[in-house]
Amino acid sequence: MLCAQCGTENIEQAEHCIKCGAPLKLDAASPYPRITNLDMQFDAPADGKPVVSSVLNLAVIAGSLFFPIIGIIMGFTYLRKTDPAARKAGKIWLVFGMVFLLMQIVLVSLR
């Protein structure tokens, strides 16, 4: 099946183009419209403030040093957001939380 948007050849079972992501088939039986714009930002700030402040960033990292579960929970929470800055912070917090958890496990097992 050829994509109407970019002309790429796709397999017959494909719902979206492998190159541009455009929908290939319209499902007439579905009562819901297809969402084709996947770049929507629902929780982007309207006032221009950063999504993650530097104080929050430092607080989560410092808290993760003593309680790694803070970094892990905050990391997973912010990874679910649509804003790229929030997702980046979530990924960093998750990594710090996991690293600090592993460090505490190693330190406890050495005693």
N, C-alpha and C. Protein backbone atom coordinates (compact mmCIF):
# COMPACT_ATOMS: atom_id res chain seq x y z
N MET A 1 0.85 -1.17 0.00
CA MET A 1 0.00 0.00 0.00
C MET A 1 0.90 1.24 0.00
N LEU A 2 0.63 2.15 -0.88
CA LEU A 2 1.41 3.38 -0.98
C LEU A 2 0.85 4.45 -0.06
N CYS A 3 1.75 5.18 0.58
CA CYS A 3 1.34 6.29 1.43
C CYS A 3 0.96 7.48 0.54
N ALA A 4 -0.18 8.06 0.81
CA ALA A 4 -0.65 9.20 0.02
C ALA A 4 0.16 10.46 0.31
N GLN A 5 0.81 10.50 1.47
CA GLN A 5 1.54 11.70 1.85
C GLN A 5 2.98 11.72 1.31
N CYS A 6 3.70 10.57 1.45
CA CYS A 6 5.11 10.59 1.05
C CYS A 6 5.44 9.59 -0.06
N GLY A 7 4.52 8.67 -0.38
CA GLY A 7 4.74 7.73 -1.47
C GLY A 7 5.51 6.48 -1.10
N THR A 8 5.76 6.25 0.17
CA THR A 8 6.50 5.08 0.62
C THR A 8 5.62 3.84 0.53
N GLU A 9 6.23 2.72 0.09
CA GLU A 9 5.52 1.45 0.02
C GLU A 9 5.45 0.83 1.41
N ASN A 10 4.25 0.48 1.88
CA ASN A 10 4.02 -0.14 3.17
C ASN A 10 3.34 -1.48 2.98
N ILE A 11 3.40 -2.35 3.99
CA ILE A 11 2.69 -3.62 3.91
C ILE A 11 1.19 -3.36 4.01
N GLU A 12 0.39 -4.31 3.54
CA GLU A 12 -1.06 -4.12 3.49
C GLU A 12 -1.69 -3.99 4.87
N GLN A 13 -1.11 -4.63 5.90
CA GLN A 13 -1.69 -4.62 7.23
C GLN A 13 -1.36 -3.35 8.01
N ALA A 14 -0.48 -2.52 7.49
CA ALA A 14 -0.03 -1.33 8.21
C ALA A 14 -1.16 -0.31 8.33
N GLU A 15 -1.25 0.29 9.52
CA GLU A 15 -2.23 1.35 9.73
C GLU A 15 -1.63 2.72 9.51
N HIS A 16 -0.29 2.83 9.70
CA HIS A 16 0.41 4.09 9.53
C HIS A 16 1.65 3.88 8.67
N CYS A 17 2.06 4.89 7.97
CA CYS A 17 3.24 4.83 7.12
C CYS A 17 4.49 4.63 7.97
N ILE A 18 5.41 3.77 7.50
CA ILE A 18 6.63 3.50 8.26
C ILE A 18 7.62 4.66 8.17
N LYS A 19 7.46 5.53 7.19
CA LYS A 19 8.39 6.64 7.04
C LYS A 19 7.87 7.93 7.67
N CYS A 20 6.64 8.34 7.35
CA CYS A 20 6.14 9.64 7.84
C CYS A 20 5.09 9.51 8.94
N GLY A 21 4.55 8.30 9.17
CA GLY A 21 3.57 8.11 10.24
C GLY A 21 2.15 8.50 9.88
N ALA A 22 1.89 8.86 8.64
CA ALA A 22 0.54 9.27 8.24
C ALA A 22 -0.38 8.04 8.24
N PRO A 23 -1.66 8.23 8.60
CA PRO A 23 -2.58 7.08 8.58
C PRO A 23 -2.80 6.60 7.15
N LEU A 24 -2.80 5.27 6.98
CA LEU A 24 -2.97 4.69 5.65
C LEU A 24 -4.41 4.31 5.36
N LYS A 25 -5.13 3.89 6.40
CA LYS A 25 -6.51 3.47 6.23
C LYS A 25 -7.40 4.29 7.16
N LEU A 26 -8.54 4.66 6.67
CA LEU A 26 -9.53 5.30 7.53
C LEU A 26 -10.54 4.25 7.92
N ASP A 27 -10.75 4.10 9.20
CA ASP A 27 -11.68 3.11 9.71
C ASP A 27 -13.07 3.72 9.77
N ALA A 28 -13.90 3.39 8.80
CA ALA A 28 -15.24 3.98 8.74
C ALA A 28 -16.15 3.42 9.83
N ALA A 29 -15.84 2.24 10.35
CA ALA A 29 -16.69 1.63 11.36
C ALA A 29 -16.49 2.25 12.74
N SER A 30 -15.39 2.93 12.95
CA SER A 30 -15.09 3.50 14.25
C SER A 30 -15.84 4.83 14.43
N PRO A 31 -16.51 5.01 15.59
CA PRO A 31 -17.23 6.27 15.83
C PRO A 31 -16.29 7.39 16.28
N TYR A 32 -15.03 7.05 16.54
CA TYR A 32 -14.09 8.05 17.05
C TYR A 32 -13.15 8.51 15.94
N PRO A 33 -12.86 9.80 15.88
CA PRO A 33 -11.93 10.27 14.86
C PRO A 33 -10.50 9.86 15.19
N ARG A 34 -9.70 9.68 14.17
CA ARG A 34 -8.30 9.35 14.38
C ARG A 34 -7.53 10.61 14.73
N ILE A 35 -6.60 10.47 15.66
CA ILE A 35 -5.73 11.59 16.02
C ILE A 35 -4.45 11.44 15.22
N THR A 36 -4.19 12.38 14.35
CA THR A 36 -3.00 12.28 13.50
C THR A 36 -1.89 13.20 13.97
N ASN A 37 -2.20 14.23 14.74
CA ASN A 37 -1.18 15.15 15.22
C ASN A 37 -0.67 14.64 16.57
N LEU A 38 0.45 13.94 16.57
CA LEU A 38 1.00 13.37 17.79
C LEU A 38 1.95 14.32 18.49
N ASP A 39 2.11 15.52 17.98
CA ASP A 39 3.02 16.49 18.57
C ASP A 39 2.30 17.45 19.51
N MET A 40 1.11 17.13 19.96
CA MET A 40 0.36 18.02 20.84
C MET A 40 1.01 18.07 22.21
N GLN A 41 1.06 19.23 22.78
CA GLN A 41 1.64 19.44 24.11
C GLN A 41 0.53 19.86 25.05
N PHE A 42 0.02 18.96 25.89
CA PHE A 42 -1.09 19.29 26.76
C PHE A 42 -0.65 19.98 28.04
N ASP A 43 0.51 19.61 28.58
CA ASP A 43 0.91 20.21 29.84
C ASP A 43 2.10 21.15 29.66
N ALA A 44 2.19 21.79 28.52
CA ALA A 44 3.22 22.80 28.30
C ALA A 44 2.82 24.08 29.03
N PRO A 45 3.78 24.76 29.63
CA PRO A 45 3.43 25.97 30.38
C PRO A 45 3.00 27.10 29.46
N ALA A 46 1.96 27.80 29.87
CA ALA A 46 1.46 28.91 29.07
C ALA A 46 2.18 30.21 29.40
N ASP A 47 2.79 30.29 30.58
CA ASP A 47 3.42 31.54 30.99
C ASP A 47 4.92 31.59 30.69
N GLY A 48 5.49 30.58 30.07
CA GLY A 48 6.90 30.60 29.70
C GLY A 48 7.84 30.14 30.80
N LYS A 49 7.32 29.78 31.97
CA LYS A 49 8.17 29.28 33.05
C LYS A 49 8.65 27.87 32.71
N PRO A 50 9.83 27.48 33.21
CA PRO A 50 10.28 26.12 32.93
C PRO A 50 9.39 25.09 33.62
N VAL A 51 9.28 23.94 33.02
CA VAL A 51 8.44 22.88 33.57
C VAL A 51 9.05 22.36 34.87
N VAL A 52 10.36 22.23 34.88
CA VAL A 52 11.07 21.74 36.06
C VAL A 52 12.03 22.83 36.52
N SER A 53 11.80 23.36 37.71
CA SER A 53 12.68 24.41 38.22
C SER A 53 13.98 23.79 38.71
N SER A 54 15.01 24.61 38.80
CA SER A 54 16.30 24.11 39.26
C SER A 54 16.24 23.68 40.73
N VAL A 55 15.38 24.32 41.51
CA VAL A 55 15.23 23.94 42.92
C VAL A 55 14.61 22.55 43.03
N LEU A 56 13.57 22.29 42.23
CA LEU A 56 12.95 20.96 42.23
C LEU A 56 13.95 19.91 41.75
N ASN A 57 14.69 20.24 40.73
CA ASN A 57 15.69 19.32 40.19
C ASN A 57 16.71 18.93 41.27
N LEU A 58 17.26 19.93 41.95
CA LEU A 58 18.24 19.66 43.01
C LEU A 58 17.62 18.94 44.19
N ALA A 59 16.39 19.29 44.54
CA ALA A 59 15.72 18.65 45.67
C ALA A 59 15.49 17.16 45.41
N VAL A 60 15.07 16.82 44.21
CA VAL A 60 14.82 15.41 43.89
C VAL A 60 16.13 14.63 43.88
N ILE A 61 17.18 15.22 43.32
CA ILE A 61 18.47 14.53 43.29
C ILE A 61 19.03 14.37 44.71
N ALA A 62 18.96 15.42 45.50
CA ALA A 62 19.46 15.34 46.89
C ALA A 62 18.61 14.37 47.71
N GLY A 63 17.30 14.40 47.53
CA GLY A 63 16.44 13.47 48.25
C GLY A 63 16.69 12.03 47.84
N SER A 64 17.02 11.83 46.57
CA SER A 64 17.30 10.49 46.07
C SER A 64 18.58 9.91 46.66
N LEU A 65 19.48 10.78 47.07
CA LEU A 65 20.73 10.31 47.66
C LEU A 65 20.44 9.53 48.95
N PHE A 66 19.50 10.00 49.75
CA PHE A 66 19.16 9.35 51.02
C PHE A 66 17.98 8.39 50.88
N PHE A 67 17.03 8.75 50.03
CA PHE A 67 15.84 7.92 49.80
C PHE A 67 15.68 7.72 48.29
N PRO A 68 16.32 6.71 47.71
CA PRO A 68 16.28 6.53 46.25
C PRO A 68 14.89 6.38 45.66
N ILE A 69 13.93 5.96 46.48
CA ILE A 69 12.57 5.78 45.97
C ILE A 69 11.98 7.11 45.50
N ILE A 70 12.46 8.22 46.05
CA ILE A 70 12.00 9.55 45.61
C ILE A 70 12.35 9.76 44.13
N GLY A 71 13.59 9.50 43.78
CA GLY A 71 14.02 9.66 42.38
C GLY A 71 13.31 8.71 41.44
N ILE A 72 13.08 7.49 41.92
CA ILE A 72 12.41 6.50 41.08
C ILE A 72 10.95 6.90 40.83
N ILE A 73 10.24 7.28 41.87
CA ILE A 73 8.83 7.67 41.71
C ILE A 73 8.71 8.95 40.89
N MET A 74 9.51 9.96 41.23
CA MET A 74 9.45 11.21 40.46
C MET A 74 9.86 11.00 39.01
N GLY A 75 10.84 10.11 38.80
CA GLY A 75 11.29 9.82 37.44
C GLY A 75 10.18 9.21 36.61
N PHE A 76 9.51 8.19 37.15
CA PHE A 76 8.41 7.57 36.41
C PHE A 76 7.26 8.56 36.20
N THR A 77 7.01 9.40 37.20
CA THR A 77 5.93 10.37 37.08
C THR A 77 6.20 11.37 35.95
N TYR A 78 7.41 11.89 35.91
CA TYR A 78 7.73 12.90 34.89
C TYR A 78 8.00 12.28 33.52
N LEU A 79 8.33 11.00 33.46
CA LEU A 79 8.49 10.35 32.15
C LEU A 79 7.15 10.22 31.43
N ARG A 80 6.05 10.24 32.16
CA ARG A 80 4.73 10.11 31.55
C ARG A 80 4.21 11.43 30.99
N LYS A 81 4.87 12.54 31.28
CA LYS A 81 4.42 13.84 30.76
C LYS A 81 4.78 13.96 29.29
N THR A 82 4.11 14.87 28.60
CA THR A 82 4.37 15.05 27.16
C THR A 82 5.44 16.09 26.88
N ASP A 83 5.75 16.94 27.83
CA ASP A 83 6.75 17.98 27.62
C ASP A 83 8.14 17.37 27.59
N PRO A 84 8.96 17.67 26.56
CA PRO A 84 10.30 17.08 26.47
C PRO A 84 11.21 17.42 27.65
N ALA A 85 11.09 18.63 28.19
CA ALA A 85 11.92 19.01 29.34
C ALA A 85 11.55 18.20 30.57
N ALA A 86 10.26 17.94 30.76
CA ALA A 86 9.80 17.13 31.89
C ALA A 86 10.25 15.69 31.72
N ARG A 87 10.18 15.18 30.51
CA ARG A 87 10.62 13.79 30.25
C ARG A 87 12.12 13.65 30.48
N LYS A 88 12.89 14.66 30.08
CA LYS A 88 14.34 14.62 30.29
C LYS A 88 14.66 14.61 31.79
N ALA A 89 13.98 15.46 32.55
CA ALA A 89 14.19 15.50 33.99
C ALA A 89 13.79 14.18 34.62
N GLY A 90 12.68 13.60 34.17
CA GLY A 90 12.24 12.32 34.68
C GLY A 90 13.25 11.21 34.43
N LYS A 91 13.84 11.24 33.24
CA LYS A 91 14.85 10.23 32.92
C LYS A 91 16.08 10.38 33.82
N ILE A 92 16.51 11.61 34.04
CA ILE A 92 17.67 11.87 34.90
C ILE A 92 17.37 11.43 36.33
N TRP A 93 16.20 11.77 36.84
CA TRP A 93 15.83 11.41 38.21
C TRP A 93 15.73 9.90 38.37
N LEU A 94 15.19 9.23 37.37
CA LEU A 94 15.07 7.79 37.43
C LEU A 94 16.45 7.13 37.46
N VAL A 95 17.36 7.63 36.64
CA VAL A 95 18.72 7.08 36.64
C VAL A 95 19.40 7.33 37.98
N PHE A 96 19.30 8.55 38.51
CA PHE A 96 19.90 8.84 39.82
C PHE A 96 19.29 7.95 40.89
N GLY A 97 17.97 7.79 40.89
CA GLY A 97 17.32 6.95 41.89
C GLY A 97 17.81 5.51 41.82
N MET A 98 17.92 4.96 40.61
CA MET A 98 18.38 3.58 40.46
C MET A 98 19.85 3.43 40.87
N VAL A 99 20.68 4.40 40.49
CA VAL A 99 22.10 4.34 40.85
C VAL A 99 22.26 4.43 42.37
N PHE A 100 21.56 5.37 42.99
CA PHE A 100 21.66 5.51 44.45
C PHE A 100 21.10 4.28 45.17
N LEU A 101 20.06 3.66 44.62
CA LEU A 101 19.53 2.43 45.21
C LEU A 101 20.56 1.31 45.14
N LEU A 102 21.18 1.16 43.97
CA LEU A 102 22.22 0.13 43.83
C LEU A 102 23.40 0.41 44.75
N MET A 103 23.79 1.67 44.89
CA MET A 103 24.90 2.02 45.79
C MET A 103 24.54 1.65 47.23
N GLN A 104 23.32 1.92 47.64
CA GLN A 104 22.93 1.58 49.02
C GLN A 104 22.88 0.07 49.23
N ILE A 105 22.44 -0.66 48.23
CA ILE A 105 22.41 -2.12 48.35
C ILE A 105 23.83 -2.66 48.49
N VAL A 106 24.74 -2.15 47.68
CA VAL A 106 26.14 -2.60 47.74
C VAL A 106 26.75 -2.23 49.10
N LEU A 107 26.52 -1.02 49.56
CA LEU A 107 27.10 -0.59 50.83
C LEU A 107 26.55 -1.40 52.01
N VAL A 108 25.28 -1.74 51.98
CA VAL A 108 24.69 -2.53 53.06
C VAL A 108 25.24 -3.97 53.00
N SER A 109 25.43 -4.50 51.82
CA SER A 109 25.91 -5.87 51.71
C SER A 109 27.39 -6.00 52.08
N LEU A 110 28.13 -4.90 52.06
CA LEU A 110 29.54 -4.94 52.43
C LEU A 110 29.75 -4.96 53.94
N ARG A 111 28.76 -4.59 54.71
CA ARG A 111 28.90 -4.56 56.17
C ARG A 111 29.01 -5.88 56.77
